[in-house]
Amino acid sequence: MSLTPYFSSSSKVWESRDWIFGLEEIGYAGWELVADGKYRLDNPGNFTAIQENLASTGLLVTVHAPYSDLNLASLNYPIWRESIRQTCCCIRHAADLTDRVTIHPGFLSPVGKLVPEKVWEMQKTALVEIGKHAEDHGVLACVENMISIKDFLCRYPEEILGLTEGIAGIGVTLDIGHANTNGLVDAFLAHVGEVNHLHIHDNHGQSDEHLALGDGTINWEKVGRIVARDYSGPVVIEGRTLEEAGRSLAVFRKWFV
C-alpha cells in the first residue's frame, strides 16, 4: 500500500502560517489545513494568503472543516442550519485545494439526551445534505470518530460506520488517537480498510493530548503494520510543533512500511 505523510496542528490556528514552510524540509509531503481561526477559508484575505503560501511549496493539502461552537446534531434548528452552512461553505472553498475534507460529528445537548434517536436523525439528515454538496464540488466529506466524552456521537466503530453507510459524498476519517481514548484502537483497526482518511497522534488513553508518536501508550509497531497492509492514501500526523513533527515522522517511517 502507498502511504503519504501529512502534518496538521490545530494548536496553531491563531498563529502565522510561516511554520508550514518547514514541513517539506522535515520530509512531509502534505499539510492538513485546520480551517478555523486565522485559517478560515471563508475569509477572502485568509484564503488568498493560504494559496500564496502553498504556491511557494510543493505541499499537498487536505482540509479539516471548522468545528468550534458547531453541532451537526443540534435540536436547536438555527444552530443546526448554521452548522451545516459553515461546513458546506468550507467544502466549497476547500474544493480549490483538495478532494478530502474532515468533519466532526455532532453531540448530545442536555435537551438532546432526552430524545437521542432524534439527535441521530438530525445528524444523518445533515450528512445527506453535506454529502450532496460535497459531491457537487468533487470532494469527499469524511466524518471523524470522536474522543471519550460520552456526549459525542461516533465514538464507536459501529456508530460511525452505520451512520455514514450509503450516504453519497460522505466517507470516514479514522483518528487513532481518538480511538485510544476510548480503548478501541484494535476495534477501529479491524475496519481500517473501510476508511477514507487517517489521523494519527499519541496519548496516554485518558484524554486527547495530541502527543508526538511514541510519547504515549499507542503501540505504533502494531498500528503501522496493519495500516500499511490495509490502507492507502494520506496519513495525517497531528501535533503541536515542528520538533514533534520531526520525531513523529521518524516513528512513521519506521513502522508504517
C-alpha atoms as a PDB file:
ATOM      1  CA  MET A   1       0.000   0.000   0.000  1.00  0.00           C
ATOM      2  CA  SER A   2       1.099   3.618  -0.535  1.00  0.00           C
ATOM      3  CA  LEU A   3       1.041   5.996   2.453  1.00  0.00           C
ATOM      4  CA  THR A   4       1.661   9.737   2.183  1.00  0.00           C
ATOM      5  CA  PRO A   5       2.599  11.683   5.360  1.00  0.00           C
ATOM      6  CA  TYR A   6       0.863  14.997   6.051  1.00  0.00           C
ATOM      7  CA  PHE A   7       1.156  17.144   9.180  1.00  0.00           C
ATOM      8  CA  SER A   8      -1.521  19.145  10.973  1.00  0.00           C
ATOM      9  CA  SER A   9      -1.516  21.405  14.024  1.00  0.00           C
ATOM     10  CA  SER A  10      -4.863  22.635  15.355  1.00  0.00           C
ATOM     11  CA  SER A  11      -2.980  24.491  18.100  1.00  0.00           C
ATOM     12  CA  LYS A  12      -1.654  26.969  15.528  1.00  0.00           C
ATOM     13  CA  VAL A  13      -4.952  28.281  14.132  1.00  0.00           C
ATOM     14  CA  TRP A  14      -4.354  31.742  15.661  1.00  0.00           C
ATOM     15  CA  GLU A  15      -0.696  31.915  14.589  1.00  0.00           C
ATOM     16  CA  SER A  16       1.149  32.916  11.425  1.00  0.00           C
ATOM     17  CA  ARG A  17       1.253  30.334   8.635  1.00  0.00           C
ATOM     18  CA  ASP A  18       5.037  30.639   8.275  1.00  0.00           C
ATOM     19  CA  TRP A  19       5.559  27.360  10.133  1.00  0.00           C
ATOM     20  CA  ILE A  20       4.281  25.320   7.196  1.00  0.00           C
ATOM     21  CA  PHE A  21       7.418  26.199   5.210  1.00  0.00           C
ATOM     22  CA  GLY A  22       9.373  23.863   7.484  1.00  0.00           C
ATOM     23  CA  LEU A  23       7.271  20.798   6.691  1.00  0.00           C
ATOM     24  CA  GLU A  24       8.976  19.916   3.409  1.00  0.00           C
ATOM     25  CA  GLU A  25      12.411  20.301   4.995  1.00  0.00           C
ATOM     26  CA  ILE A  26      11.434  17.736   7.635  1.00  0.00           C
ATOM     27  CA  GLY A  27      10.160  15.363   4.971  1.00  0.00           C
ATOM     28  CA  TYR A  28       6.394  15.809   4.851  1.00  0.00           C
ATOM     29  CA  ALA A  29       4.542  15.631   1.545  1.00  0.00           C
ATOM     30  CA  GLY A  30       1.400  17.407   2.711  1.00  0.00           C
ATOM     31  CA  TRP A  31      -0.376  19.681   5.168  1.00  0.00           C
ATOM     32  CA  GLU A  32      -3.849  19.286   6.662  1.00  0.00           C
ATOM     33  CA  LEU A  33      -5.191  22.800   6.996  1.00  0.00           C
ATOM     34  CA  VAL A  34      -7.473  23.275  10.016  1.00  0.00           C
ATOM     35  CA  ALA A  35      -9.951  25.841   8.686  1.00  0.00           C
ATOM     36  CA  ASP A  36     -10.556  27.770  11.888  1.00  0.00           C
ATOM     37  CA  GLY A  37      -9.202  30.940  13.477  1.00  0.00           C
ATOM     38  CA  LYS A  38      -6.876  32.736  11.052  1.00  0.00           C
ATOM     39  CA  TYR A  39      -7.132  29.769   8.687  1.00  0.00           C
ATOM     40  CA  ARG A  40     -10.848  30.009   7.902  1.00  0.00           C
ATOM     41  CA  LEU A  41     -11.333  29.633   4.162  1.00  0.00           C
ATOM     42  CA  ASP A  42     -14.455  31.805   4.045  1.00  0.00           C
ATOM     43  CA  ASN A  43     -12.291  34.840   4.835  1.00  0.00           C
ATOM     44  CA  PRO A  44     -11.064  36.109   1.430  1.00  0.00           C
ATOM     45  CA  GLY A  45      -7.841  37.507   2.886  1.00  0.00           C
ATOM     46  CA  ASN A  46      -7.039  34.219   4.604  1.00  0.00           C
ATOM     47  CA  PHE A  47      -7.806  32.197   1.510  1.00  0.00           C
ATOM     48  CA  THR A  48      -5.619  34.333  -0.761  1.00  0.00           C
ATOM     49  CA  ALA A  49      -2.729  34.209   1.714  1.00  0.00           C
ATOM     50  CA  ILE A  50      -3.050  30.427   2.077  1.00  0.00           C
ATOM     51  CA  GLN A  51      -2.997  29.992  -1.700  1.00  0.00           C
ATOM     52  CA  GLU A  52       0.125  32.166  -1.897  1.00  0.00           C
ATOM     53  CA  ASN A  53       1.792  30.174   0.890  1.00  0.00           C
ATOM     54  CA  LEU A  54       1.046  26.903  -0.867  1.00  0.00           C
ATOM     55  CA  ALA A  55       2.218  28.212  -4.236  1.00  0.00           C
ATOM     56  CA  SER A  56       5.731  28.591  -2.785  1.00  0.00           C
ATOM     57  CA  THR A  57       5.790  24.982  -1.569  1.00  0.00           C
ATOM     58  CA  GLY A  58       5.173  21.582  -3.122  1.00  0.00           C
ATOM     59  CA  LEU A  59       2.839  20.530  -0.317  1.00  0.00           C
ATOM     60  CA  LEU A  60      -0.286  18.520  -0.988  1.00  0.00           C
ATOM     61  CA  VAL A  61      -3.343  19.606   1.022  1.00  0.00           C
ATOM     62  CA  THR A  62      -6.280  18.164   2.899  1.00  0.00           C
ATOM     63  CA  VAL A  63      -8.663  20.272   4.981  1.00  0.00           C
ATOM     64  CA  HIS A  64     -10.306  19.924   8.378  1.00  0.00           C
ATOM     65  CA  ALA A  65     -13.599  21.821   8.494  1.00  0.00           C
ATOM     66  CA  PRO A  66     -14.291  24.251  11.371  1.00  0.00           C
ATOM     67  CA  TYR A  67     -15.907  22.725  14.448  1.00  0.00           C
ATOM     68  CA  SER A  68     -15.732  25.412  17.133  1.00  0.00           C
ATOM     69  CA  ASP A  69     -19.244  26.041  18.566  1.00  0.00           C
ATOM     70  CA  LEU A  70     -20.921  23.985  15.815  1.00  0.00           C
ATOM     71  CA  ASN A  71     -23.193  20.957  16.233  1.00  0.00           C
ATOM     72  CA  LEU A  72     -24.433  18.975  13.237  1.00  0.00           C
ATOM     73  CA  ALA A  73     -26.814  17.057  15.515  1.00  0.00           C
ATOM     74  CA  SER A  74     -28.318  20.062  17.293  1.00  0.00           C
ATOM     75  CA  LEU A  75     -32.033  20.157  18.065  1.00  0.00           C
ATOM     76  CA  ASN A  76     -31.802  23.953  18.057  1.00  0.00           C
ATOM     77  CA  TYR A  77     -32.790  24.489  14.428  1.00  0.00           C
ATOM     78  CA  PRO A  78     -30.896  27.770  13.750  1.00  0.00           C
ATOM     79  CA  ILE A  79     -27.709  26.290  15.258  1.00  0.00           C
ATOM     80  CA  TRP A  80     -28.167  23.115  13.200  1.00  0.00           C
ATOM     81  CA  ARG A  81     -28.679  25.109   9.989  1.00  0.00           C
ATOM     82  CA  GLU A  82     -25.668  27.299  10.696  1.00  0.00           C
ATOM     83  CA  SER A  83     -23.508  24.245  11.408  1.00  0.00           C
ATOM     84  CA  ILE A  84     -24.466  22.771   8.035  1.00  0.00           C
ATOM     85  CA  ARG A  85     -23.950  26.107   6.288  1.00  0.00           C
ATOM     86  CA  GLN A  86     -20.439  26.600   7.660  1.00  0.00           C
ATOM     87  CA  THR A  87     -19.467  23.010   6.847  1.00  0.00           C
ATOM     88  CA  CYS A  88     -20.731  23.311   3.274  1.00  0.00           C
ATOM     89  CA  CYS A  89     -19.073  26.708   2.885  1.00  0.00           C
ATOM     90  CA  CYS A  90     -15.740  25.206   3.928  1.00  0.00           C
ATOM     91  CA  ILE A  91     -16.185  22.329   1.489  1.00  0.00           C
ATOM     92  CA  ARG A  92     -16.934  24.741  -1.352  1.00  0.00           C
ATOM     93  CA  HIS A  93     -13.724  26.710  -0.752  1.00  0.00           C
ATOM     94  CA  ALA A  94     -11.650  23.613   0.053  1.00  0.00           C
ATOM     95  CA  ALA A  95     -12.546  22.141  -3.340  1.00  0.00           C
ATOM     96  CA  ASP A  96      -9.997  24.537  -4.877  1.00  0.00           C
ATOM     97  CA  LEU A  97      -7.288  22.921  -2.721  1.00  0.00           C
ATOM     98  CA  THR A  98      -8.211  19.276  -2.144  1.00  0.00           C
ATOM     99  CA  ASP A  99     -10.690  16.453  -2.669  1.00  0.00           C
ATOM    100  CA  ARG A 100     -10.867  15.491   1.018  1.00  0.00           C
ATOM    101  CA  VAL A 101     -12.381  17.377   3.970  1.00  0.00           C
ATOM    102  CA  THR A 102     -12.678  16.008   7.513  1.00  0.00           C
ATOM    103  CA  ILE A 103     -15.751  16.995   9.537  1.00  0.00           C
ATOM    104  CA  HIS A 104     -16.700  16.438  13.168  1.00  0.00           C
ATOM    105  CA  PRO A 105     -19.994  14.757  14.031  1.00  0.00           C
ATOM    106  CA  GLY A 106     -22.348  16.432  16.470  1.00  0.00           C
ATOM    107  CA  PHE A 107     -23.052  15.819  20.122  1.00  0.00           C
ATOM    108  CA  LEU A 108     -25.896  15.392  22.598  1.00  0.00           C
ATOM    109  CA  SER A 109     -27.039  18.579  24.269  1.00  0.00           C
ATOM    110  CA  PRO A 110     -28.844  18.421  27.653  1.00  0.00           C
ATOM    111  CA  VAL A 111     -32.169  18.539  25.793  1.00  0.00           C
ATOM    112  CA  GLY A 112     -30.927  16.107  23.161  1.00  0.00           C
ATOM    113  CA  LYS A 113     -30.206  13.494  25.823  1.00  0.00           C
ATOM    114  CA  LEU A 114     -33.969  13.204  26.306  1.00  0.00           C
ATOM    115  CA  VAL A 115     -34.503  12.154  22.679  1.00  0.00           C
ATOM    116  CA  PRO A 116     -31.219  10.610  21.439  1.00  0.00           C
ATOM    117  CA  GLU A 117     -32.929   8.980  18.469  1.00  0.00           C
ATOM    118  CA  LYS A 118     -33.927  12.447  17.220  1.00  0.00           C
ATOM    119  CA  VAL A 119     -30.328  13.659  17.631  1.00  0.00           C
ATOM    120  CA  TRP A 120     -29.067  10.815  15.431  1.00  0.00           C
ATOM    121  CA  GLU A 121     -31.789  11.624  12.902  1.00  0.00           C
ATOM    122  CA  MET A 122     -30.661  15.263  12.755  1.00  0.00           C
ATOM    123  CA  GLN A 123     -27.056  14.142  12.319  1.00  0.00           C
ATOM    124  CA  LYS A 124     -27.902  11.801   9.454  1.00  0.00           C
ATOM    125  CA  THR A 125     -30.088  14.403   7.745  1.00  0.00           C
ATOM    126  CA  ALA A 126     -27.222  16.898   7.985  1.00  0.00           C
ATOM    127  CA  LEU A 127     -24.809  14.413   6.417  1.00  0.00           C
ATOM    128  CA  VAL A 128     -27.124  13.751   3.488  1.00  0.00           C
ATOM    129  CA  GLU A 129     -27.199  17.475   2.716  1.00  0.00           C
ATOM    130  CA  ILE A 130     -23.459  17.920   3.271  1.00  0.00           C
ATOM    131  CA  GLY A 131     -22.686  14.829   1.190  1.00  0.00           C
ATOM    132  CA  LYS A 132     -24.668  16.155  -1.757  1.00  0.00           C
ATOM    133  CA  HIS A 133     -22.841  19.473  -1.537  1.00  0.00           C
ATOM    134  CA  ALA A 134     -19.505  17.676  -1.320  1.00  0.00           C
ATOM    135  CA  GLU A 135     -20.300  15.505  -4.333  1.00  0.00           C
ATOM    136  CA  ASP A 136     -21.301  18.554  -6.346  1.00  0.00           C
ATOM    137  CA  HIS A 137     -17.850  20.031  -5.653  1.00  0.00           C
ATOM    138  CA  GLY A 138     -15.786  16.884  -6.198  1.00  0.00           C
ATOM    139  CA  VAL A 139     -14.997  16.462  -2.512  1.00  0.00           C
ATOM    140  CA  LEU A 140     -15.390  13.574  -0.074  1.00  0.00           C
ATOM    141  CA  ALA A 141     -16.541  14.813   3.351  1.00  0.00           C
ATOM    142  CA  CYS A 142     -15.137  12.396   5.941  1.00  0.00           C
ATOM    143  CA  VAL A 143     -16.744  12.107   9.377  1.00  0.00           C
ATOM    144  CA  GLU A 144     -14.199  11.659  12.181  1.00  0.00           C
ATOM    145  CA  ASN A 145     -14.517   9.313  15.165  1.00  0.00           C
ATOM    146  CA  MET A 146     -14.567  11.201  18.458  1.00  0.00           C
ATOM    147  CA  ILE A 147     -12.780  11.215  21.818  1.00  0.00           C
ATOM    148  CA  SER A 148     -14.016   9.666  25.074  1.00  0.00           C
ATOM    149  CA  ILE A 149     -16.545  12.330  26.004  1.00  0.00           C
ATOM    150  CA  LYS A 150     -19.844  10.493  26.383  1.00  0.00           C
ATOM    151  CA  ASP A 151     -21.945  13.204  24.757  1.00  0.00           C
ATOM    152  CA  PHE A 152     -20.094  12.975  21.430  1.00  0.00           C
ATOM    153  CA  LEU A 153     -21.541  10.858  18.644  1.00  0.00           C
ATOM    154  CA  CYS A 154     -19.361   8.402  16.708  1.00  0.00           C
ATOM    155  CA  ARG A 155     -17.047   7.151  19.448  1.00  0.00           C
ATOM    156  CA  TYR A 156     -17.504   3.511  18.374  1.00  0.00           C
ATOM    157  CA  PRO A 157     -16.807   1.810  15.025  1.00  0.00           C
ATOM    158  CA  GLU A 158     -20.363   0.562  14.620  1.00  0.00           C
ATOM    159  CA  GLU A 159     -21.736   4.070  15.212  1.00  0.00           C
ATOM    160  CA  ILE A 160     -19.653   5.901  12.640  1.00  0.00           C
ATOM    161  CA  LEU A 161     -19.786   3.143  10.017  1.00  0.00           C
ATOM    162  CA  GLY A 162     -23.539   2.718  10.435  1.00  0.00           C
ATOM    163  CA  LEU A 163     -24.168   6.456  10.324  1.00  0.00           C
ATOM    164  CA  THR A 164     -22.181   7.086   7.144  1.00  0.00           C
ATOM    165  CA  GLU A 165     -23.047   3.922   5.201  1.00  0.00           C
ATOM    166  CA  GLY A 166     -24.708   4.574   1.869  1.00  0.00           C
ATOM    167  CA  ILE A 167     -24.577   8.384   2.005  1.00  0.00           C
ATOM    168  CA  ALA A 168     -23.154   9.751  -1.239  1.00  0.00           C
ATOM    169  CA  GLY A 169     -20.281  12.189  -0.780  1.00  0.00           C
ATOM    170  CA  ILE A 170     -19.629  11.051   2.801  1.00  0.00           C
ATOM    171  CA  GLY A 171     -16.658   8.983   3.989  1.00  0.00           C
ATOM    172  CA  VAL A 172     -14.865   8.231   7.262  1.00  0.00           C
ATOM    173  CA  THR A 173     -11.756   9.689   8.868  1.00  0.00           C
ATOM    174  CA  LEU A 174     -10.256   7.252  11.367  1.00  0.00           C
ATOM    175  CA  ASP A 175      -8.420   9.021  14.186  1.00  0.00           C
ATOM    176  CA  ILE A 176      -6.195   6.535  16.037  1.00  0.00           C
ATOM    177  CA  GLY A 177      -5.524   8.957  18.900  1.00  0.00           C
ATOM    178  CA  HIS A 178      -9.253   9.450  19.465  1.00  0.00           C
ATOM    179  CA  ALA A 179      -9.792   5.691  19.342  1.00  0.00           C
ATOM    180  CA  ASN A 180      -7.151   5.227  22.049  1.00  0.00           C
ATOM    181  CA  THR A 181      -9.005   7.494  24.477  1.00  0.00           C
ATOM    182  CA  ASN A 182     -11.935   5.082  24.171  1.00  0.00           C
ATOM    183  CA  GLY A 183      -9.771   1.944  24.438  1.00  0.00           C
ATOM    184  CA  LEU A 184     -10.838   0.999  20.920  1.00  0.00           C
ATOM    185  CA  VAL A 185      -7.694   1.091  18.764  1.00  0.00           C
ATOM    186  CA  ASP A 186      -7.936  -2.605  17.882  1.00  0.00           C
ATOM    187  CA  ALA A 187     -11.676  -2.352  17.207  1.00  0.00           C
ATOM    188  CA  PHE A 188     -11.157   0.513  14.777  1.00  0.00           C
ATOM    189  CA  LEU A 189      -8.097  -1.078  13.138  1.00  0.00           C
ATOM    190  CA  ALA A 190     -10.314  -4.014  12.173  1.00  0.00           C
ATOM    191  CA  HIS A 191     -12.086  -1.565   9.836  1.00  0.00           C
ATOM    192  CA  VAL A 192      -9.114   0.445   8.569  1.00  0.00           C
ATOM    193  CA  GLY A 193      -9.609  -0.923   5.059  1.00  0.00           C
ATOM    194  CA  GLU A 194     -13.070   0.689   5.014  1.00  0.00           C
ATOM    195  CA  VAL A 195     -11.984   4.243   5.880  1.00  0.00           C
ATOM    196  CA  ASN A 196     -11.070   7.086   3.543  1.00  0.00           C
ATOM    197  CA  HIS A 197      -8.710   9.209   5.596  1.00  0.00           C
ATOM    198  CA  LEU A 198      -6.424   8.689   8.594  1.00  0.00           C
ATOM    199  CA  HIS A 199      -5.262  10.810  11.537  1.00  0.00           C
ATOM    200  CA  ILE A 200      -2.538   9.621  13.912  1.00  0.00           C
ATOM    201  CA  HIS A 201      -1.175  11.105  17.163  1.00  0.00           C
ATOM    202  CA  ASP A 202      -0.394   9.759  20.613  1.00  0.00           C
ATOM    203  CA  ASN A 203      -1.832   9.995  24.137  1.00  0.00           C
ATOM    204  CA  HIS A 204      -1.989   8.002  27.371  1.00  0.00           C
ATOM    205  CA  GLY A 205      -5.527   6.718  26.798  1.00  0.00           C
ATOM    206  CA  GLN A 206      -7.285   9.224  29.035  1.00  0.00           C
ATOM    207  CA  SER A 207      -7.518  12.461  27.049  1.00  0.00           C
ATOM    208  CA  ASP A 208      -6.806  13.932  23.613  1.00  0.00           C
ATOM    209  CA  GLU A 209      -3.216  15.066  24.252  1.00  0.00           C
ATOM    210  CA  HIS A 210      -2.021  15.216  20.623  1.00  0.00           C
ATOM    211  CA  LEU A 211       1.448  13.985  21.584  1.00  0.00           C
ATOM    212  CA  ALA A 212       4.217  13.045  19.180  1.00  0.00           C
ATOM    213  CA  LEU A 213       4.150   9.405  18.092  1.00  0.00           C
ATOM    214  CA  GLY A 214       5.913   7.350  20.743  1.00  0.00           C
ATOM    215  CA  ASP A 215       5.239   9.768  23.609  1.00  0.00           C
ATOM    216  CA  GLY A 216       2.059   7.994  24.710  1.00  0.00           C
ATOM    217  CA  THR A 217       0.770   4.439  25.052  1.00  0.00           C
ATOM    218  CA  ILE A 218      -0.242   3.524  21.493  1.00  0.00           C
ATOM    219  CA  ASN A 219       1.573   0.522  20.006  1.00  0.00           C
ATOM    220  CA  TRP A 220       2.772   2.109  16.771  1.00  0.00           C
ATOM    221  CA  GLU A 221       4.525  -1.039  15.578  1.00  0.00           C
ATOM    222  CA  LYS A 222       1.183  -2.845  15.551  1.00  0.00           C
ATOM    223  CA  VAL A 223      -0.785   0.109  14.190  1.00  0.00           C
ATOM    224  CA  GLY A 224       1.761   0.797  11.460  1.00  0.00           C
ATOM    225  CA  ARG A 225       1.847  -2.807  10.290  1.00  0.00           C
ATOM    226  CA  ILE A 226      -1.947  -3.030   9.968  1.00  0.00           C
ATOM    227  CA  VAL A 227      -2.331   0.391   8.356  1.00  0.00           C
ATOM    228  CA  ALA A 228       0.428  -0.288   5.812  1.00  0.00           C
ATOM    229  CA  ARG A 229      -1.245  -3.578   4.928  1.00  0.00           C
ATOM    230  CA  ASP A 230      -4.876  -2.447   4.704  1.00  0.00           C
ATOM    231  CA  TYR A 231      -4.932   1.294   3.928  1.00  0.00           C
ATOM    232  CA  SER A 232      -3.544   3.576   1.245  1.00  0.00           C
ATOM    233  CA  GLY A 233      -3.680   7.329   0.996  1.00  0.00           C
ATOM    234  CA  PRO A 234      -2.961  10.366   3.160  1.00  0.00           C
ATOM    235  CA  VAL A 235      -1.877   9.787   6.758  1.00  0.00           C
ATOM    236  CA  VAL A 236      -2.190  12.998   8.754  1.00  0.00           C
ATOM    237  CA  ILE A 237       0.190  13.161  11.709  1.00  0.00           C
ATOM    238  CA  GLU A 238      -1.153  15.653  14.231  1.00  0.00           C
ATOM    239  CA  GLY A 239       0.995  17.570  16.670  1.00  0.00           C
ATOM    240  CA  ARG A 240       1.905  20.956  18.105  1.00  0.00           C
ATOM    241  CA  THR A 241       5.410  21.863  16.939  1.00  0.00           C
ATOM    242  CA  LEU A 242       7.824  21.170  14.090  1.00  0.00           C
ATOM    243  CA  GLU A 243      10.097  19.403  16.559  1.00  0.00           C
ATOM    244  CA  GLU A 244       7.259  16.983  17.363  1.00  0.00           C
ATOM    245  CA  ALA A 245       6.515  16.711  13.657  1.00  0.00           C
ATOM    246  CA  GLY A 246      10.058  15.517  13.047  1.00  0.00           C
ATOM    247  CA  ARG A 247      10.014  12.942  15.837  1.00  0.00           C
ATOM    248  CA  SER A 248       6.630  11.630  14.732  1.00  0.00           C
ATOM    249  CA  LEU A 249       7.783  11.290  11.141  1.00  0.00           C
ATOM    250  CA  ALA A 250      10.710   9.138  12.294  1.00  0.00           C
ATOM    251  CA  VAL A 251       8.284   6.752  14.014  1.00  0.00           C
ATOM    252  CA  PHE A 252       6.031   6.774  10.947  1.00  0.00           C
ATOM    253  CA  ARG A 253       8.938   5.851   8.675  1.00  0.00           C
ATOM    254  CA  LYS A 254       9.976   3.058  10.996  1.00  0.00           C
ATOM    255  CA  TRP A 255       6.646   1.273  11.364  1.00  0.00           C
ATOM    256  CA  PHE A 256       4.278   2.341   8.579  1.00  0.00           C
ATOM    257  CA  VAL A 257       6.054   0.320   5.899  1.00  0.00           C
END
